[in-house]
Amino acid sequence: MKVIFNLAEKFAQPFISINAQRQNEDLLALSIAIDRLVNRMTIIGNDGNEQTVIPLYQVIRFYTRDKSVVCETDERVFRINERLYELRKQLSDFDFIAISNSEIVNQTAIASFSLSKTGQYHINLTTGAVAYPSRRYLKQIKEAILK
């Protein structure tokens, strides 16, 4: 089997495509294995009385709001039961980075960095939102981004 990377700026999020002449049992097993690998990393989000399973690859950021921790995706914002310090430990192996004591951002959701006239750094996210990192975390952010 051949593995080809198709890298382009136009792809907002990574995706996997299987190309073949026809579907067979091996390809079906491969797609199930890939799906399990990608979607096994989940978190439970609350939206009112409804609980939703959220795959981590859909999460843009975690932050505190109104004394609770929320999880932001492209479509919705969910309240979650975990605390940020617990999330930092759980997400250390994934593409998430703490940018302050109150916010953790998915590195794949970072569009650009900018500097304000007052000298404050801004992290521009792919959703159009802006995150404000703490100066204390700048060294860790640079190390994580440049590795």
N, C-alpha and C. Protein backbone atom coordinates (compact mmCIF):
# COMPACT_ATOMS: atom_id res chain seq x y z
N MET A 1 0.85 -1.16 0.00
CA MET A 1 0.00 0.00 0.00
C MET A 1 0.89 1.23 0.00
N LYS A 2 0.52 2.20 -0.75
CA LYS A 2 1.28 3.42 -0.90
C LYS A 2 0.68 4.52 -0.02
N VAL A 3 1.54 5.30 0.66
CA VAL A 3 1.08 6.42 1.48
C VAL A 3 1.56 7.71 0.83
N ILE A 4 0.62 8.60 0.55
CA ILE A 4 0.94 9.86 -0.11
C ILE A 4 0.40 11.01 0.74
N PHE A 5 1.23 12.02 0.95
CA PHE A 5 0.79 13.22 1.65
C PHE A 5 0.46 14.28 0.63
N ASN A 6 -0.71 14.87 0.76
CA ASN A 6 -1.13 15.98 -0.10
C ASN A 6 -1.25 17.20 0.79
N LEU A 7 -0.21 18.02 0.83
CA LEU A 7 -0.16 19.18 1.71
C LEU A 7 -0.49 20.44 0.93
N ALA A 8 -1.44 21.21 1.44
CA ALA A 8 -1.82 22.47 0.79
C ALA A 8 -2.43 23.39 1.82
N GLU A 9 -2.27 24.67 1.63
CA GLU A 9 -2.82 25.69 2.52
C GLU A 9 -4.34 25.66 2.55
N LYS A 10 -4.98 25.20 1.49
CA LYS A 10 -6.43 25.25 1.40
C LYS A 10 -7.13 24.29 2.35
N PHE A 11 -6.42 23.29 2.88
CA PHE A 11 -7.03 22.34 3.79
C PHE A 11 -7.06 22.94 5.19
N ALA A 12 -8.25 23.25 5.68
CA ALA A 12 -8.41 23.85 7.00
C ALA A 12 -8.12 22.82 8.09
N GLN A 13 -8.59 21.59 7.89
CA GLN A 13 -8.34 20.51 8.85
C GLN A 13 -7.85 19.29 8.08
N PRO A 14 -6.98 18.51 8.71
CA PRO A 14 -6.51 17.29 8.04
C PRO A 14 -7.64 16.28 7.89
N PHE A 15 -7.56 15.49 6.82
CA PHE A 15 -8.52 14.41 6.62
C PHE A 15 -7.80 13.26 5.94
N ILE A 16 -8.39 12.09 6.03
CA ILE A 16 -7.80 10.89 5.45
C ILE A 16 -8.71 10.39 4.34
N SER A 17 -8.12 10.09 3.21
CA SER A 17 -8.87 9.59 2.06
C SER A 17 -8.26 8.27 1.62
N ILE A 18 -9.11 7.28 1.38
CA ILE A 18 -8.64 5.98 0.88
C ILE A 18 -9.07 5.88 -0.58
N ASN A 19 -8.11 5.72 -1.46
CA ASN A 19 -8.38 5.64 -2.89
C ASN A 19 -8.11 4.22 -3.38
N ALA A 20 -9.10 3.62 -4.03
CA ALA A 20 -8.97 2.26 -4.55
C ALA A 20 -9.95 2.06 -5.69
N GLN A 21 -9.75 0.97 -6.44
CA GLN A 21 -10.68 0.67 -7.54
C GLN A 21 -12.03 0.25 -7.01
N ARG A 22 -12.04 -0.53 -5.92
CA ARG A 22 -13.30 -0.97 -5.32
C ARG A 22 -13.07 -1.25 -3.84
N GLN A 23 -14.13 -1.23 -3.09
CA GLN A 23 -14.06 -1.50 -1.65
C GLN A 23 -13.95 -2.99 -1.40
N ASN A 24 -13.07 -3.37 -0.47
CA ASN A 24 -12.95 -4.77 -0.08
C ASN A 24 -12.84 -4.85 1.44
N GLU A 25 -12.75 -6.05 1.95
CA GLU A 25 -12.74 -6.25 3.40
C GLU A 25 -11.52 -5.62 4.06
N ASP A 26 -10.37 -5.68 3.39
CA ASP A 26 -9.16 -5.09 3.96
C ASP A 26 -9.28 -3.57 4.09
N LEU A 27 -9.83 -2.93 3.07
CA LEU A 27 -9.99 -1.48 3.12
C LEU A 27 -11.03 -1.07 4.16
N LEU A 28 -12.07 -1.86 4.30
CA LEU A 28 -13.08 -1.59 5.31
C LEU A 28 -12.48 -1.72 6.71
N ALA A 29 -11.67 -2.75 6.92
CA ALA A 29 -11.00 -2.93 8.22
C ALA A 29 -10.03 -1.78 8.49
N LEU A 30 -9.34 -1.33 7.45
CA LEU A 30 -8.43 -0.20 7.58
C LEU A 30 -9.18 1.06 7.98
N SER A 31 -10.32 1.32 7.34
CA SER A 31 -11.09 2.53 7.67
C SER A 31 -11.63 2.48 9.10
N ILE A 32 -12.03 1.29 9.55
CA ILE A 32 -12.52 1.15 10.92
C ILE A 32 -11.38 1.37 11.92
N ALA A 33 -10.20 0.85 11.62
CA ALA A 33 -9.04 1.03 12.50
C ALA A 33 -8.64 2.50 12.59
N ILE A 34 -8.65 3.19 11.46
CA ILE A 34 -8.31 4.62 11.45
C ILE A 34 -9.34 5.40 12.25
N ASP A 35 -10.61 5.10 12.04
CA ASP A 35 -11.67 5.79 12.77
C ASP A 35 -11.55 5.58 14.27
N ARG A 36 -11.27 4.36 14.70
CA ARG A 36 -11.11 4.08 16.12
C ARG A 36 -9.91 4.83 16.69
N LEU A 37 -8.82 4.88 15.94
CA LEU A 37 -7.63 5.57 16.41
C LEU A 37 -7.88 7.06 16.57
N VAL A 38 -8.52 7.65 15.60
CA VAL A 38 -8.76 9.10 15.62
C VAL A 38 -9.85 9.47 16.61
N ASN A 39 -10.93 8.73 16.64
CA ASN A 39 -12.08 9.12 17.44
C ASN A 39 -12.11 8.54 18.85
N ARG A 40 -11.11 7.75 19.23
CA ARG A 40 -11.10 7.19 20.59
C ARG A 40 -10.73 8.26 21.60
N MET A 41 -10.10 9.32 21.14
CA MET A 41 -9.72 10.41 22.02
C MET A 41 -10.89 11.39 22.06
N THR A 42 -11.69 11.28 23.11
CA THR A 42 -12.90 12.09 23.20
C THR A 42 -13.02 12.73 24.57
N ILE A 43 -13.94 13.66 24.67
CA ILE A 43 -14.29 14.31 25.93
C ILE A 43 -15.79 14.50 25.94
N ILE A 44 -16.39 14.49 27.11
CA ILE A 44 -17.84 14.64 27.24
C ILE A 44 -18.15 16.11 27.51
N GLY A 45 -19.02 16.68 26.68
CA GLY A 45 -19.44 18.07 26.84
C GLY A 45 -20.91 18.16 27.19
N ASN A 46 -21.26 19.12 28.02
CA ASN A 46 -22.64 19.34 28.44
C ASN A 46 -23.17 20.61 27.79
N ASP A 47 -24.36 20.52 27.25
CA ASP A 47 -25.04 21.67 26.67
C ASP A 47 -26.47 21.66 27.20
N GLY A 48 -26.68 22.30 28.34
CA GLY A 48 -27.99 22.22 28.98
C GLY A 48 -28.15 20.86 29.62
N ASN A 49 -29.19 20.14 29.26
CA ASN A 49 -29.44 18.79 29.78
C ASN A 49 -28.83 17.72 28.90
N GLU A 50 -28.26 18.10 27.80
CA GLU A 50 -27.75 17.15 26.81
C GLU A 50 -26.24 16.95 26.97
N GLN A 51 -25.79 15.69 26.94
CA GLN A 51 -24.37 15.38 26.97
C GLN A 51 -23.95 14.92 25.58
N THR A 52 -22.78 15.40 25.13
CA THR A 52 -22.30 15.10 23.80
C THR A 52 -20.87 14.59 23.88
N VAL A 53 -20.57 13.55 23.11
CA VAL A 53 -19.20 13.04 23.00
C VAL A 53 -18.50 13.86 21.92
N ILE A 54 -17.39 14.50 22.28
CA ILE A 54 -16.67 15.39 21.37
C ILE A 54 -15.30 14.80 21.09
N PRO A 55 -15.00 14.45 19.84
CA PRO A 55 -13.63 14.00 19.51
C PRO A 55 -12.64 15.16 19.70
N LEU A 56 -11.46 14.87 20.24
CA LEU A 56 -10.49 15.92 20.53
C LEU A 56 -10.03 16.68 19.29
N TYR A 57 -10.05 16.04 18.13
CA TYR A 57 -9.60 16.74 16.94
C TYR A 57 -10.56 17.87 16.54
N GLN A 58 -11.79 17.86 17.07
CA GLN A 58 -12.75 18.93 16.78
C GLN A 58 -12.64 20.10 17.74
N VAL A 59 -11.90 19.93 18.83
CA VAL A 59 -11.81 20.96 19.86
C VAL A 59 -10.85 22.07 19.41
N ILE A 60 -11.31 23.30 19.51
CA ILE A 60 -10.47 24.46 19.20
C ILE A 60 -9.69 24.88 20.45
N ARG A 61 -10.41 25.00 21.57
CA ARG A 61 -9.76 25.41 22.82
C ARG A 61 -10.63 25.09 24.02
N PHE A 62 -9.97 25.05 25.18
CA PHE A 62 -10.62 24.94 26.48
C PHE A 62 -10.30 26.22 27.24
N TYR A 63 -11.27 26.79 27.91
CA TYR A 63 -11.02 27.98 28.71
C TYR A 63 -12.05 28.10 29.82
N THR A 64 -11.79 28.98 30.77
CA THR A 64 -12.72 29.18 31.87
C THR A 64 -13.66 30.33 31.54
N ARG A 65 -14.93 30.13 31.92
CA ARG A 65 -15.95 31.17 31.73
C ARG A 65 -17.00 30.98 32.83
N ASP A 66 -17.28 32.04 33.55
CA ASP A 66 -18.28 32.00 34.62
C ASP A 66 -18.01 30.88 35.63
N LYS A 67 -16.78 30.75 36.06
CA LYS A 67 -16.35 29.77 37.06
C LYS A 67 -16.53 28.32 36.63
N SER A 68 -16.57 28.07 35.33
CA SER A 68 -16.61 26.69 34.84
C SER A 68 -15.70 26.58 33.63
N VAL A 69 -15.36 25.36 33.26
CA VAL A 69 -14.48 25.11 32.12
C VAL A 69 -15.36 24.80 30.91
N VAL A 70 -15.07 25.46 29.79
CA VAL A 70 -15.82 25.23 28.57
C VAL A 70 -14.89 24.75 27.47
N CYS A 71 -15.49 24.06 26.53
CA CYS A 71 -14.79 23.49 25.38
C CYS A 71 -15.41 24.11 24.13
N GLU A 72 -14.60 24.72 23.30
CA GLU A 72 -15.11 25.37 22.09
C GLU A 72 -14.74 24.54 20.86
N THR A 73 -15.76 24.27 20.03
CA THR A 73 -15.54 23.61 18.74
C THR A 73 -15.91 24.62 17.65
N ASP A 74 -15.84 24.20 16.39
CA ASP A 74 -16.22 25.08 15.30
C ASP A 74 -17.68 25.49 15.38
N GLU A 75 -18.52 24.61 15.89
CA GLU A 75 -19.96 24.83 15.85
C GLU A 75 -20.56 25.31 17.16
N ARG A 76 -20.09 24.78 18.28
CA ARG A 76 -20.74 25.05 19.56
C ARG A 76 -19.73 25.19 20.69
N VAL A 77 -20.25 25.64 21.83
CA VAL A 77 -19.46 25.72 23.06
C VAL A 77 -20.14 24.82 24.08
N PHE A 78 -19.35 23.96 24.72
CA PHE A 78 -19.86 23.00 25.70
C PHE A 78 -19.21 23.25 27.05
N ARG A 79 -19.94 23.01 28.11
CA ARG A 79 -19.37 23.03 29.45
C ARG A 79 -18.88 21.62 29.74
N ILE A 80 -17.70 21.51 30.35
CA ILE A 80 -17.16 20.19 30.67
C ILE A 80 -16.90 20.10 32.17
N ASN A 81 -16.81 18.89 32.67
CA ASN A 81 -16.67 18.67 34.11
C ASN A 81 -15.22 18.67 34.59
N GLU A 82 -14.26 18.47 33.70
CA GLU A 82 -12.86 18.43 34.09
C GLU A 82 -12.36 19.83 34.43
N ARG A 83 -11.33 19.88 35.22
CA ARG A 83 -10.66 21.14 35.55
C ARG A 83 -9.50 21.32 34.59
N LEU A 84 -9.05 22.57 34.42
CA LEU A 84 -7.98 22.84 33.45
C LEU A 84 -6.68 22.13 33.81
N TYR A 85 -6.35 22.04 35.09
CA TYR A 85 -5.11 21.36 35.45
C TYR A 85 -5.18 19.87 35.11
N GLU A 86 -6.38 19.28 35.20
CA GLU A 86 -6.55 17.88 34.80
C GLU A 86 -6.40 17.74 33.29
N LEU A 87 -6.96 18.69 32.55
CA LEU A 87 -6.86 18.66 31.09
C LEU A 87 -5.42 18.82 30.62
N ARG A 88 -4.64 19.66 31.30
CA ARG A 88 -3.24 19.84 30.93
C ARG A 88 -2.50 18.51 30.99
N LYS A 89 -2.77 17.73 32.03
CA LYS A 89 -2.12 16.42 32.16
C LYS A 89 -2.60 15.45 31.10
N GLN A 90 -3.91 15.42 30.85
CA GLN A 90 -4.49 14.49 29.88
C GLN A 90 -4.07 14.82 28.45
N LEU A 91 -3.95 16.10 28.14
CA LEU A 91 -3.70 16.52 26.76
C LEU A 91 -2.23 16.76 26.45
N SER A 92 -1.34 16.41 27.38
CA SER A 92 0.08 16.68 27.16
C SER A 92 0.65 15.88 25.99
N ASP A 93 0.05 14.74 25.65
CA ASP A 93 0.54 13.92 24.54
C ASP A 93 -0.06 14.33 23.20
N PHE A 94 -1.01 15.24 23.20
CA PHE A 94 -1.69 15.65 21.98
C PHE A 94 -1.23 17.05 21.58
N ASP A 95 -1.84 17.61 20.56
CA ASP A 95 -1.44 18.90 20.02
C ASP A 95 -2.08 20.08 20.75
N PHE A 96 -2.19 20.00 22.06
CA PHE A 96 -2.76 21.09 22.83
C PHE A 96 -1.66 21.76 23.64
N ILE A 97 -1.79 23.08 23.79
CA ILE A 97 -0.78 23.85 24.50
C ILE A 97 -1.47 24.83 25.43
N ALA A 98 -0.98 24.90 26.66
CA ALA A 98 -1.50 25.88 27.62
C ALA A 98 -0.91 27.23 27.27
N ILE A 99 -1.78 28.24 27.11
CA ILE A 99 -1.29 29.58 26.78
C ILE A 99 -1.46 30.53 27.95
N SER A 100 -2.18 30.09 28.99
CA SER A 100 -2.32 30.86 30.23
C SER A 100 -2.86 29.91 31.29
N ASN A 101 -3.05 30.42 32.49
CA ASN A 101 -3.62 29.59 33.55
C ASN A 101 -5.08 29.24 33.27
N SER A 102 -5.71 29.98 32.37
CA SER A 102 -7.15 29.79 32.15
C SER A 102 -7.49 29.37 30.73
N GLU A 103 -6.48 28.97 29.91
CA GLU A 103 -6.80 28.59 28.53
C GLU A 103 -5.80 27.58 27.97
N ILE A 104 -6.34 26.59 27.25
CA ILE A 104 -5.56 25.59 26.53
C ILE A 104 -6.05 25.62 25.08
N VAL A 105 -5.13 25.69 24.12
CA VAL A 105 -5.48 25.83 22.71
C VAL A 105 -4.95 24.65 21.90
N ASN A 106 -5.74 24.20 20.93
CA ASN A 106 -5.32 23.17 19.99
C ASN A 106 -4.34 23.82 19.01
N GLN A 107 -3.14 23.29 18.89
CA GLN A 107 -2.12 23.89 18.02
C GLN A 107 -2.56 23.93 16.56
N THR A 108 -3.36 22.97 16.14
CA THR A 108 -3.82 22.95 14.75
C THR A 108 -4.84 24.04 14.48
N ALA A 109 -5.38 24.66 15.52
CA ALA A 109 -6.37 25.73 15.36
C ALA A 109 -5.74 27.11 15.36
N ILE A 110 -4.42 27.18 15.50
CA ILE A 110 -3.73 28.48 15.51
C ILE A 110 -3.49 28.91 14.07
N ALA A 111 -4.03 30.06 13.71
CA ALA A 111 -3.85 30.58 12.35
C ALA A 111 -2.61 31.46 12.28
N SER A 112 -2.43 32.35 13.26
CA SER A 112 -1.28 33.25 13.24
C SER A 112 -1.09 33.89 14.61
N PHE A 113 0.03 34.56 14.73
CA PHE A 113 0.35 35.33 15.94
C PHE A 113 0.45 36.79 15.54
N SER A 114 0.09 37.67 16.45
CA SER A 114 0.26 39.10 16.18
C SER A 114 0.60 39.81 17.47
N LEU A 115 1.05 41.02 17.33
CA LEU A 115 1.47 41.84 18.46
C LEU A 115 0.69 43.14 18.40
N SER A 116 0.07 43.53 19.50
CA SER A 116 -0.69 44.77 19.52
C SER A 116 0.25 45.96 19.69
N LYS A 117 -0.29 47.14 19.55
CA LYS A 117 0.52 48.35 19.72
C LYS A 117 1.00 48.51 21.15
N THR A 118 0.26 47.94 22.09
CA THR A 118 0.66 48.02 23.50
C THR A 118 1.65 46.92 23.90
N GLY A 119 1.99 46.04 22.98
CA GLY A 119 2.97 44.99 23.24
C GLY A 119 2.37 43.68 23.70
N GLN A 120 1.06 43.55 23.64
CA GLN A 120 0.41 42.31 24.04
C GLN A 120 0.34 41.36 22.84
N TYR A 121 0.67 40.09 23.08
CA TYR A 121 0.60 39.09 22.02
C TYR A 121 -0.84 38.63 21.83
N HIS A 122 -1.19 38.31 20.59
CA HIS A 122 -2.50 37.77 20.26
C HIS A 122 -2.28 36.47 19.48
N ILE A 123 -3.10 35.49 19.77
CA ILE A 123 -3.10 34.25 18.99
C ILE A 123 -4.41 34.23 18.22
N ASN A 124 -4.32 34.32 16.90
CA ASN A 124 -5.49 34.33 16.04
C ASN A 124 -5.82 32.88 15.68
N LEU A 125 -7.05 32.48 15.99
CA LEU A 125 -7.47 31.11 15.75
C LEU A 125 -8.18 30.99 14.41
N THR A 126 -8.29 29.78 13.92
CA THR A 126 -8.91 29.53 12.61
C THR A 126 -10.39 29.89 12.60
N THR A 127 -11.02 29.96 13.77
CA THR A 127 -12.44 30.32 13.86
C THR A 127 -12.65 31.83 13.81
N GLY A 128 -11.57 32.60 13.85
CA GLY A 128 -11.68 34.05 13.87
C GLY A 128 -11.57 34.61 15.28
N ALA A 129 -11.61 33.75 16.28
CA ALA A 129 -11.48 34.19 17.67
C ALA A 129 -10.02 34.55 17.95
N VAL A 130 -9.83 35.34 18.97
CA VAL A 130 -8.50 35.76 19.38
C VAL A 130 -8.27 35.31 20.81
N ALA A 131 -7.12 34.68 21.06
CA ALA A 131 -6.74 34.25 22.41
C ALA A 131 -5.57 35.12 22.86
N TYR A 132 -5.53 35.38 24.15
CA TYR A 132 -4.51 36.25 24.71
C TYR A 132 -3.61 35.46 25.64
N PRO A 133 -2.40 35.12 25.19
CA PRO A 133 -1.51 34.32 26.03
C PRO A 133 -0.90 35.15 27.15
N SER A 134 -0.58 34.47 28.23
CA SER A 134 0.11 35.08 29.34
C SER A 134 1.59 35.18 29.00
N ARG A 135 2.24 36.24 29.42
CA ARG A 135 3.68 36.40 29.16
C ARG A 135 4.47 35.27 29.80
N ARG A 136 3.98 34.75 30.91
CA ARG A 136 4.65 33.66 31.60
C ARG A 136 4.72 32.41 30.74
N TYR A 137 3.79 32.22 29.84
CA TYR A 137 3.72 31.02 29.01
C TYR A 137 4.37 31.19 27.63
N LEU A 138 4.86 32.36 27.30
CA LEU A 138 5.40 32.60 25.96
C LEU A 138 6.56 31.68 25.61
N LYS A 139 7.45 31.42 26.55
CA LYS A 139 8.59 30.55 26.26
C LYS A 139 8.10 29.14 25.92
N GLN A 140 7.14 28.61 26.69
CA GLN A 140 6.61 27.28 26.43
C GLN A 140 5.87 27.23 25.09
N ILE A 141 5.18 28.30 24.75
CA ILE A 141 4.46 28.36 23.48
C ILE A 141 5.44 28.32 22.32
N LYS A 142 6.49 29.13 22.40
CA LYS A 142 7.51 29.14 21.34
C LYS A 142 8.17 27.78 21.18
N GLU A 143 8.50 27.13 22.28
CA GLU A 143 9.13 25.81 22.22
C GLU A 143 8.20 24.79 21.58
N ALA A 144 6.92 24.84 21.94
CA ALA A 144 5.95 23.88 21.39
C ALA A 144 5.71 24.10 19.91
N ILE A 145 5.63 25.35 19.49
CA ILE A 145 5.35 25.66 18.09
C ILE A 145 6.57 25.39 17.21
N LEU A 146 7.75 25.67 17.70
CA LEU A 146 8.97 25.55 16.89
C LEU A 146 9.63 24.18 16.95
N LYS A 147 9.05 23.22 17.68
CA LYS A 147 9.70 21.90 17.78
C LYS A 147 9.55 21.10 16.52
